[in-house]
Amino acid sequence: EQAFARNDLLTLAVCQAVPILPEVSAVMAGVAR
């Protein structure tokens, strides 16, 4: 959770950069609460 939280907003903001990353980022955001 803490590792994802360090760059959570930036990761989500550019998640369309790589295929599959949007889905992974969304699920990881939920996992990281």
Full PDB file with SEQRES, HELIX, SHEET, SSBOND, CRYST1, ORIGX, SCALE, CONECT and MASTER records, all heavy atoms in Angstrom:
SEQRES   1 A   33  GLU GLN ALA PHE ALA ARG ASN ASP LEU LEU THR LEU ALA          
SEQRES   2 A   33  VAL CYS GLN ALA VAL PRO ILE LEU PRO GLU VAL SER ALA          
SEQRES   3 A   33  VAL MET ALA GLY VAL ALA ARG                                  
HELIX    1 AA1 GLN A    2  ALA A    5  1                                   4    
HELIX    2 AA2 ASP A    8  ALA A   13  1                                   6    
HELIX    3 AA3 CYS A   15  ALA A   17  5                                   3    
HELIX    4 AA4 LEU A   21  VAL A   31  1                                  11    
CRYST1    1.000    1.000    1.000  90.00  90.00  90.00 P 1           1          
ORIGX1      1.000000  0.000000  0.000000        0.00000                         
ORIGX2      0.000000  1.000000  0.000000        0.00000                         
ORIGX3      0.000000  0.000000  1.000000        0.00000                         
SCALE1      1.000000  0.000000  0.000000        0.00000                         
SCALE2      0.000000  1.000000  0.000000        0.00000                         
SCALE3      0.000000  0.000000  1.000000        0.00000                         
ATOM      1  N   GLU A   1       0.834  -1.208   0.000  1.00  0.00           N  
ATOM      2  CA  GLU A   1       0.000   0.000   0.000  1.00  0.00           C  
ATOM      3  C   GLU A   1       0.865   1.254   0.000  1.00  0.00           C  
ATOM      4  O   GLU A   1       0.610   2.203  -0.751  1.00  0.00           O  
ATOM      5  CB  GLU A   1      -0.913  -0.004   1.224  1.00  0.00           C  
ATOM      6  CG  GLU A   1      -1.979  -1.082   1.209  1.00  0.00           C  
ATOM      7  CD  GLU A   1      -2.902  -0.979   2.408  1.00  0.00           C  
ATOM      8  OE1 GLU A   1      -2.854   0.047   3.120  1.00  0.00           O  
ATOM      9  OE2 GLU A   1      -3.688  -1.923   2.637  1.00  0.00           O  
ATOM     10  N   GLN A   2       1.878   1.270   0.842  1.00  0.00           N  
ATOM     11  CA  GLN A   2       2.737   2.447   0.942  1.00  0.00           C  
ATOM     12  C   GLN A   2       3.531   2.680  -0.336  1.00  0.00           C  
ATOM     13  O   GLN A   2       3.699   3.821  -0.775  1.00  0.00           O  
ATOM     14  CB  GLN A   2       3.676   2.293   2.137  1.00  0.00           C  
ATOM     15  CG  GLN A   2       2.962   2.282   3.477  1.00  0.00           C  
ATOM     16  CD  GLN A   2       3.861   1.848   4.626  1.00  0.00           C  
ATOM     17  OE1 GLN A   2       5.071   1.702   4.453  1.00  0.00           O  
ATOM     18  NE2 GLN A   2       3.272   1.622   5.797  1.00  0.00           N  
ATOM     19  N   ALA A   3       3.988   1.596  -0.962  1.00  0.00           N  
ATOM     20  CA  ALA A   3       4.759   1.730  -2.203  1.00  0.00           C  
ATOM     21  C   ALA A   3       3.893   2.301  -3.318  1.00  0.00           C  
ATOM     22  O   ALA A   3       4.343   3.170  -4.085  1.00  0.00           O  
ATOM     23  CB  ALA A   3       5.324   0.366  -2.609  1.00  0.00           C  
ATOM     24  N   PHE A   4       2.651   1.838  -3.428  1.00  0.00           N  
ATOM     25  CA  PHE A   4       1.765   2.362  -4.463  1.00  0.00           C  
ATOM     26  C   PHE A   4       1.401   3.814  -4.181  1.00  0.00           C  
ATOM     27  O   PHE A   4       1.282   4.630  -5.105  1.00  0.00           O  
ATOM     28  CB  PHE A   4       0.498   1.512  -4.554  1.00  0.00           C  
ATOM     29  CG  PHE A   4      -0.427   1.908  -5.675  1.00  0.00           C  
ATOM     30  CD1 PHE A   4      -0.208   1.469  -6.971  1.00  0.00           C  
ATOM     31  CD2 PHE A   4      -1.507   2.744  -5.442  1.00  0.00           C  
ATOM     32  CE1 PHE A   4      -1.043   1.848  -8.011  1.00  0.00           C  
ATOM     33  CE2 PHE A   4      -2.355   3.132  -6.475  1.00  0.00           C  
ATOM     34  CZ  PHE A   4      -2.121   2.682  -7.760  1.00  0.00           C  
ATOM     35  N   ALA A   5       1.227   4.143  -2.896  1.00  0.00           N  
ATOM     36  CA  ALA A   5       0.792   5.492  -2.520  1.00  0.00           C  
ATOM     37  C   ALA A   5       1.819   6.560  -2.879  1.00  0.00           C  
ATOM     38  O   ALA A   5       1.465   7.726  -3.049  1.00  0.00           O  
ATOM     39  CB  ALA A   5       0.492   5.540  -1.025  1.00  0.00           C  
ATOM     40  N   ARG A   6       3.092   6.184  -3.027  1.00  0.00           N  
ATOM     41  CA  ARG A   6       4.132   7.189  -3.314  1.00  0.00           C  
ATOM     42  C   ARG A   6       3.890   7.894  -4.642  1.00  0.00           C  
ATOM     43  O   ARG A   6       4.185   9.075  -4.789  1.00  0.00           O  
ATOM     44  CB  ARG A   6       5.511   6.516  -3.333  1.00  0.00           C  
ATOM     45  CG  ARG A   6       5.965   6.012  -1.975  1.00  0.00           C  
ATOM     46  CD  ARG A   6       7.425   5.605  -1.986  1.00  0.00           C  
ATOM     47  NE  ARG A   6       7.764   4.865  -0.766  1.00  0.00           N  
ATOM     48  CZ  ARG A   6       7.945   3.558  -0.717  1.00  0.00           C  
ATOM     49  NH1 ARG A   6       7.856   2.831  -1.813  1.00  0.00           N  
ATOM     50  NH2 ARG A   6       8.243   2.970   0.423  1.00  0.00           N  
ATOM     51  N   ASN A   7       3.380   7.167  -5.632  1.00  0.00           N  
ATOM     52  CA  ASN A   7       3.160   7.764  -6.962  1.00  0.00           C  
ATOM     53  C   ASN A   7       1.765   7.420  -7.488  1.00  0.00           C  
ATOM     54  O   ASN A   7       1.580   7.298  -8.696  1.00  0.00           O  
ATOM     55  CB  ASN A   7       4.216   7.258  -7.952  1.00  0.00           C  
ATOM     56  CG  ASN A   7       5.605   7.771  -7.642  1.00  0.00           C  
ATOM     57  OD1 ASN A   7       5.853   8.974  -7.627  1.00  0.00           O  
ATOM     58  ND2 ASN A   7       6.516   6.864  -7.364  1.00  0.00           N  
ATOM     59  N   ASP A   8       0.794   7.263  -6.594  1.00  0.00           N  
ATOM     60  CA  ASP A   8      -0.506   6.765  -7.026  1.00  0.00           C  
ATOM     61  C   ASP A   8      -1.190   7.684  -8.037  1.00  0.00           C  
ATOM     62  O   ASP A   8      -1.647   7.222  -9.094  1.00  0.00           O  
ATOM     63  CB  ASP A   8      -1.422   6.511  -5.823  1.00  0.00           C  
ATOM     64  CG  ASP A   8      -1.541   7.723  -4.891  1.00  0.00           C  
ATOM     65  OD1 ASP A   8      -0.933   8.775  -5.184  1.00  0.00           O  
ATOM     66  OD2 ASP A   8      -2.226   7.586  -3.857  1.00  0.00           O  
ATOM     67  N   LEU A   9      -1.234   8.984  -7.775  1.00  0.00           N  
ATOM     68  CA  LEU A   9      -1.914   9.901  -8.698  1.00  0.00           C  
ATOM     69  C   LEU A   9      -1.212   9.957 -10.047  1.00  0.00           C  
ATOM     70  O   LEU A   9      -1.874   9.932 -11.099  1.00  0.00           O  
ATOM     71  CB  LEU A   9      -1.989  11.307  -8.087  1.00  0.00           C  
ATOM     72  CG  LEU A   9      -3.036  11.534  -6.999  1.00  0.00           C  
ATOM     73  CD1 LEU A   9      -2.951  12.956  -6.476  1.00  0.00           C  
ATOM     74  CD2 LEU A   9      -4.439  11.254  -7.531  1.00  0.00           C  
ATOM     75  N   LEU A  10       0.107  10.035 -10.043  1.00  0.00           N  
ATOM     76  CA  LEU A  10       0.848  10.111 -11.303  1.00  0.00           C  
ATOM     77  C   LEU A  10       0.697   8.821 -12.107  1.00  0.00           C  
ATOM     78  O   LEU A  10       0.553   8.853 -13.328  1.00  0.00           O  
ATOM     79  CB  LEU A  10       2.331  10.386 -11.023  1.00  0.00           C  
ATOM     80  CG  LEU A  10       2.665  11.787 -10.516  1.00  0.00           C  
ATOM     81  CD1 LEU A  10       4.136  11.882 -10.157  1.00  0.00           C  
ATOM     82  CD2 LEU A  10       2.307  12.840 -11.556  1.00  0.00           C  
ATOM     83  N   THR A  11       0.732   7.682 -11.411  1.00  0.00           N  
ATOM     84  CA  THR A  11       0.571   6.404 -12.100  1.00  0.00           C  
ATOM     85  C   THR A  11      -0.776   6.337 -12.794  1.00  0.00           C  
ATOM     86  O   THR A  11      -0.880   5.933 -13.964  1.00  0.00           O  
ATOM     87  CB  THR A  11       0.697   5.232 -11.103  1.00  0.00           C  
ATOM     88  OG1 THR A  11       2.002   5.259 -10.518  1.00  0.00           O  
ATOM     89  CG2 THR A  11       0.491   3.901 -11.814  1.00  0.00           C  
ATOM     90  N   LEU A  12      -1.837   6.735 -12.111  1.00  0.00           N  
ATOM     91  CA  LEU A  12      -3.172   6.699 -12.693  1.00  0.00           C  
ATOM     92  C   LEU A  12      -3.302   7.706 -13.835  1.00  0.00           C  
ATOM     93  O   LEU A  12      -3.978   7.439 -14.838  1.00  0.00           O  
ATOM     94  CB  LEU A  12      -4.228   6.989 -11.620  1.00  0.00           C  
ATOM     95  CG  LEU A  12      -4.364   5.915 -10.527  1.00  0.00           C  
ATOM     96  CD1 LEU A  12      -5.283   6.407  -9.417  1.00  0.00           C  
ATOM     97  CD2 LEU A  12      -4.904   4.622 -11.113  1.00  0.00           C  
ATOM     98  N   ALA A  13      -2.657   8.873 -13.690  1.00  0.00           N  
ATOM     99  CA  ALA A  13      -2.787   9.925 -14.697  1.00  0.00           C  
ATOM    100  C   ALA A  13      -2.164   9.539 -16.031  1.00  0.00           C  
ATOM    101  O   ALA A  13      -2.614   9.982 -17.090  1.00  0.00           O  
ATOM    102  CB  ALA A  13      -2.168  11.224 -14.188  1.00  0.00           C  
ATOM    103  N   VAL A  14      -1.125   8.691 -16.001  1.00  0.00           N  
ATOM    104  CA  VAL A  14      -0.451   8.314 -17.259  1.00  0.00           C  
ATOM    105  C   VAL A  14      -0.631   6.832 -17.576  1.00  0.00           C  
ATOM    106  O   VAL A  14       0.097   6.279 -18.391  1.00  0.00           O  
ATOM    107  CB  VAL A  14       1.064   8.654 -17.201  1.00  0.00           C  
ATOM    108  CG1 VAL A  14       1.261  10.139 -16.989  1.00  0.00           C  
ATOM    109  CG2 VAL A  14       1.776   7.856 -16.122  1.00  0.00           C  
ATOM    110  N   CYS A  15      -1.644   6.208 -16.963  1.00  0.00           N  
ATOM    111  CA  CYS A  15      -1.786   4.755 -17.093  1.00  0.00           C  
ATOM    112  C   CYS A  15      -2.143   4.300 -18.504  1.00  0.00           C  
ATOM    113  O   CYS A  15      -1.989   3.118 -18.832  1.00  0.00           O  
ATOM    114  CB  CYS A  15      -2.824   4.225 -16.101  1.00  0.00           C  
ATOM    115  SG  CYS A  15      -4.517   4.779 -16.408  1.00  0.00           S  
ATOM    116  N   GLN A  16      -2.613   5.212 -19.367  1.00  0.00           N  
ATOM    117  CA  GLN A  16      -2.937   4.820 -20.737  1.00  0.00           C  
ATOM    118  C   GLN A  16      -1.699   4.697 -21.608  1.00  0.00           C  
ATOM    119  O   GLN A  16      -1.803   4.374 -22.790  1.00  0.00           O  
ATOM    120  CB  GLN A  16      -3.895   5.846 -21.361  1.00  0.00           C  
ATOM    121  CG  GLN A  16      -5.271   5.909 -20.716  1.00  0.00           C  
ATOM    122  CD  GLN A  16      -6.094   4.659 -20.964  1.00  0.00           C  
ATOM    123  OE1 GLN A  16      -5.853   3.923 -21.917  1.00  0.00           O  
ATOM    124  NE2 GLN A  16      -7.078   4.408 -20.113  1.00  0.00           N  
ATOM    125  N   ALA A  17      -0.533   4.928 -21.024  1.00  0.00           N  
ATOM    126  CA  ALA A  17       0.699   4.904 -21.818  1.00  0.00           C  
ATOM    127  C   ALA A  17       1.038   3.516 -22.333  1.00  0.00           C  
ATOM    128  O   ALA A  17       1.612   3.372 -23.411  1.00  0.00           O  
ATOM    129  CB  ALA A  17       1.870   5.438 -20.991  1.00  0.00           C  
ATOM    130  N   VAL A  18       0.687   2.502 -21.580  1.00  0.00           N  
ATOM    131  CA  VAL A  18       1.090   1.138 -21.922  1.00  0.00           C  
ATOM    132  C   VAL A  18      -0.138   0.234 -21.875  1.00  0.00           C  
ATOM    133  O   VAL A  18      -0.940   0.332 -20.940  1.00  0.00           O  
ATOM    134  CB  VAL A  18       2.148   0.615 -20.917  1.00  0.00           C  
ATOM    135  CG1 VAL A  18       2.582  -0.800 -21.283  1.00  0.00           C  
ATOM    136  CG2 VAL A  18       3.349   1.549 -20.883  1.00  0.00           C  
ATOM    137  N   PRO A  19      -0.331  -0.634 -22.867  1.00  0.00           N  
ATOM    138  CA  PRO A  19      -1.458  -1.575 -22.817  1.00  0.00           C  
ATOM    139  C   PRO A  19      -1.442  -2.388 -21.521  1.00  0.00           C  
ATOM    140  O   PRO A  19      -0.377  -2.737 -21.012  1.00  0.00           O  
ATOM    141  CB  PRO A  19      -1.221  -2.464 -24.046  1.00  0.00           C  
ATOM    142  CG  PRO A  19      -0.427  -1.622 -24.981  1.00  0.00           C  
ATOM    143  CD  PRO A  19       0.462  -0.782 -24.112  1.00  0.00           C  
ATOM    144  N   ILE A  20      -2.608  -2.654 -20.999  1.00  0.00           N  
ATOM    145  CA  ILE A  20      -2.814  -3.461 -19.790  1.00  0.00           C  
ATOM    146  C   ILE A  20      -2.568  -2.639 -18.520  1.00  0.00           C  
ATOM    147  O   ILE A  20      -3.136  -2.919 -17.470  1.00  0.00           O  
ATOM    148  CB  ILE A  20      -1.944  -4.750 -19.762  1.00  0.00           C  
ATOM    149  CG1 ILE A  20      -2.264  -5.623 -20.978  1.00  0.00           C  
ATOM    150  CG2 ILE A  20      -2.170  -5.553 -18.499  1.00  0.00           C  
ATOM    151  CD1 ILE A  20      -1.383  -6.859 -21.081  1.00  0.00           C  
ATOM    152  N   LEU A  21      -1.752  -1.571 -18.607  1.00  0.00           N  
ATOM    153  CA  LEU A  21      -1.468  -0.766 -17.425  1.00  0.00           C  
ATOM    154  C   LEU A  21      -2.717  -0.120 -16.814  1.00  0.00           C  
ATOM    155  O   LEU A  21      -2.803  -0.048 -15.584  1.00  0.00           O  
ATOM    156  CB  LEU A  21      -0.432   0.306 -17.761  1.00  0.00           C  
ATOM    157  CG  LEU A  21       0.066   1.152 -16.587  1.00  0.00           C  
ATOM    158  CD1 LEU A  21       0.706   0.283 -15.524  1.00  0.00           C  
ATOM    159  CD2 LEU A  21       1.056   2.213 -17.078  1.00  0.00           C  
ATOM    160  N   PRO A  22      -3.698   0.368 -17.606  1.00  0.00           N  
ATOM    161  CA  PRO A  22      -4.898   0.951 -16.978  1.00  0.00           C  
ATOM    162  C   PRO A  22      -5.624  -0.025 -16.065  1.00  0.00           C  
ATOM    163  O   PRO A  22      -6.015   0.326 -14.945  1.00  0.00           O  
ATOM    164  CB  PRO A  22      -5.766   1.351 -18.184  1.00  0.00           C  
ATOM    165  CG  PRO A  22      -4.809   1.534 -19.297  1.00  0.00           C  
ATOM    166  CD  PRO A  22      -3.726   0.525 -19.076  1.00  0.00           C  
ATOM    167  N   GLU A  23      -5.799  -1.270 -16.537  1.00  0.00           N  
ATOM    168  CA  GLU A  23      -6.498  -2.268 -15.722  1.00  0.00           C  
ATOM    169  C   GLU A  23      -5.695  -2.609 -14.475  1.00  0.00           C  
ATOM    170  O   GLU A  23      -6.231  -2.683 -13.365  1.00  0.00           O  
ATOM    171  CB  GLU A  23      -6.738  -3.544 -16.539  1.00  0.00           C  
ATOM    172  CG  GLU A  23      -7.590  -3.332 -17.772  1.00  0.00           C  
ATOM    173  CD  GLU A  23      -6.782  -3.061 -19.026  1.00  0.00           C  
ATOM    174  OE1 GLU A  23      -5.774  -2.323 -18.920  1.00  0.00           O  
ATOM    175  OE2 GLU A  23      -7.128  -3.573 -20.094  1.00  0.00           O  
ATOM    176  N   VAL A  24      -4.387  -2.812 -14.660  1.00  0.00           N  
ATOM    177  CA  VAL A  24      -3.515  -3.143 -13.530  1.00  0.00           C  
ATOM    178  C   VAL A  24      -3.508  -2.002 -12.511  1.00  0.00           C  
ATOM    179  O   VAL A  24      -3.609  -2.231 -11.295  1.00  0.00           O  
ATOM    180  CB  VAL A  24      -2.083  -3.433 -14.017  1.00  0.00           C  
ATOM    181  CG1 VAL A  24      -1.127  -3.575 -12.835  1.00  0.00           C  
ATOM    182  CG2 VAL A  24      -2.053  -4.697 -14.867  1.00  0.00           C  
ATOM    183  N   SER A  25      -3.411  -0.768 -12.977  1.00  0.00           N  
ATOM    184  CA  SER A  25      -3.357   0.388 -12.082  1.00  0.00           C  
ATOM    185  C   SER A  25      -4.649   0.526 -11.280  1.00  0.00           C  
ATOM    186  O   SER A  25      -4.615   0.820 -10.076  1.00  0.00           O  
ATOM    187  CB  SER A  25      -3.108   1.667 -12.882  1.00  0.00           C  
ATOM    188  OG  SER A  25      -1.884   1.614 -13.571  1.00  0.00           O  
ATOM    189  N   ALA A  26      -5.789   0.325 -11.943  1.00  0.00           N  
ATOM    190  CA  ALA A  26      -7.071   0.449 -11.251  1.00  0.00           C  
ATOM    191  C   ALA A  26      -7.211  -0.614 -10.169  1.00  0.00           C  
ATOM    192  O   ALA A  26      -7.625  -0.322  -9.040  1.00  0.00           O  
ATOM    193  CB  ALA A  26      -8.220   0.347 -12.256  1.00  0.00           C  
ATOM    194  N   VAL A  27      -6.867  -1.851 -10.512  1.00  0.00           N  
ATOM    195  CA  VAL A  27      -6.968  -2.935  -9.522  1.00  0.00           C  
ATOM    196  C   VAL A  27      -5.976  -2.700  -8.384  1.00  0.00           C  
ATOM    197  O   VAL A  27      -6.315  -2.892  -7.202  1.00  0.00           O  
ATOM    198  CB  VAL A  27      -6.718  -4.302 -10.189  1.00  0.00           C  
ATOM    199  CG1 VAL A  27      -6.676  -5.408  -9.142  1.00  0.00           C  
ATOM    200  CG2 VAL A  27      -7.816  -4.603 -11.207  1.00  0.00           C  
ATOM    201  N   MET A  28      -4.753  -2.266  -8.713  1.00  0.00           N  
ATOM    202  CA  MET A  28      -3.753  -2.013  -7.684  1.00  0.00           C  
ATOM    203  C   MET A  28      -4.186  -0.885  -6.748  1.00  0.00           C  
ATOM    204  O   MET A  28      -3.904  -0.919  -5.543  1.00  0.00           O  
ATOM    205  CB  MET A  28      -2.406  -1.674  -8.315  1.00  0.00           C  
ATOM    206  CG  MET A  28      -1.656  -2.867  -8.867  1.00  0.00           C  
ATOM    207  SD  MET A  28      -1.293  -4.118  -7.614  1.00  0.00           S  
ATOM    208  CE  MET A  28      -0.438  -3.147  -6.378  1.00  0.00           C  
ATOM    209  N   ALA A  29      -4.870   0.112  -7.302  1.00  0.00           N  
ATOM    210  CA  ALA A  29      -5.369   1.203  -6.448  1.00  0.00           C  
ATOM    211  C   ALA A  29      -6.365   0.666  -5.426  1.00  0.00           C  
ATOM    212  O   ALA A  29      -6.378   1.100  -4.270  1.00  0.00           O  
ATOM    213  CB  ALA A  29      -6.025   2.277  -7.313  1.00  0.00           C  
ATOM    214  N   GLY A  30      -7.207  -0.282  -5.860  1.00  0.00           N  
ATOM    215  CA  GLY A  30      -8.142  -0.895  -4.927  1.00  0.00           C  
ATOM    216  C   GLY A  30      -7.433  -1.762  -3.912  1.00  0.00           C  
ATOM    217  O   GLY A  30      -7.743  -1.724  -2.711  1.00  0.00           O  
ATOM    218  N   VAL A  31      -6.473  -2.549  -4.372  1.00  0.00           N  
ATOM    219  CA  VAL A  31      -5.696  -3.410  -3.470  1.00  0.00           C  
ATOM    220  C   VAL A  31      -4.987  -2.562  -2.407  1.00  0.00           C  
ATOM    221  O   VAL A  31      -4.950  -2.923  -1.225  1.00  0.00           O  
ATOM    222  CB  VAL A  31      -4.663  -4.235  -4.264  1.00  0.00           C  
ATOM    223  CG1 VAL A  31      -3.699  -4.938  -3.320  1.00  0.00           C  
ATOM    224  CG2 VAL A  31      -5.364  -5.250  -5.159  1.00  0.00           C  
ATOM    225  N   ALA A  32      -4.438  -1.413  -2.836  1.00  0.00           N  
ATOM    226  CA  ALA A  32      -3.715  -0.528  -1.927  1.00  0.00           C  
ATOM    227  C   ALA A  32      -4.648   0.333  -1.087  1.00  0.00           C  
ATOM    228  O   ALA A  32      -4.181   1.165  -0.303  1.00  0.00           O  
ATOM    229  CB  ALA A  32      -2.758   0.358  -2.714  1.00  0.00           C  
ATOM    230  N   ARG A  33      -5.956   0.157  -1.259  1.00  0.00           N  
ATOM    231  CA  ARG A  33      -6.968   0.892  -0.492  1.00  0.00           C  
ATOM    232  C   ARG A  33      -6.812   2.410  -0.639  1.00  0.00           C  
ATOM    233  O   ARG A  33      -6.917   3.172   0.331  1.00  0.00           O  
ATOM    234  CB  ARG A  33      -6.928   0.476   0.985  1.00  0.00           C  
ATOM    235  CG  ARG A  33      -7.273  -0.995   1.190  1.00  0.00           C  
ATOM    236  CD  ARG A  33      -7.369  -1.366   2.643  1.00  0.00           C  
ATOM    237  NE  ARG A  33      -7.809  -2.749   2.781  1.00  0.00           N  
ATOM    238  CZ  ARG A  33      -9.067  -3.155   2.751  1.00  0.00           C  
ATOM    239  NH1 ARG A  33     -10.030  -2.254   2.578  1.00  0.00           N  
ATOM    240  NH2 ARG A  33      -9.381  -4.426   2.884  1.00  0.00           N  
TER     241      ARG A  33                                                      
MASTER        0    0    0    4    0    0    0    6  240    1    0    3          
END                                                                             
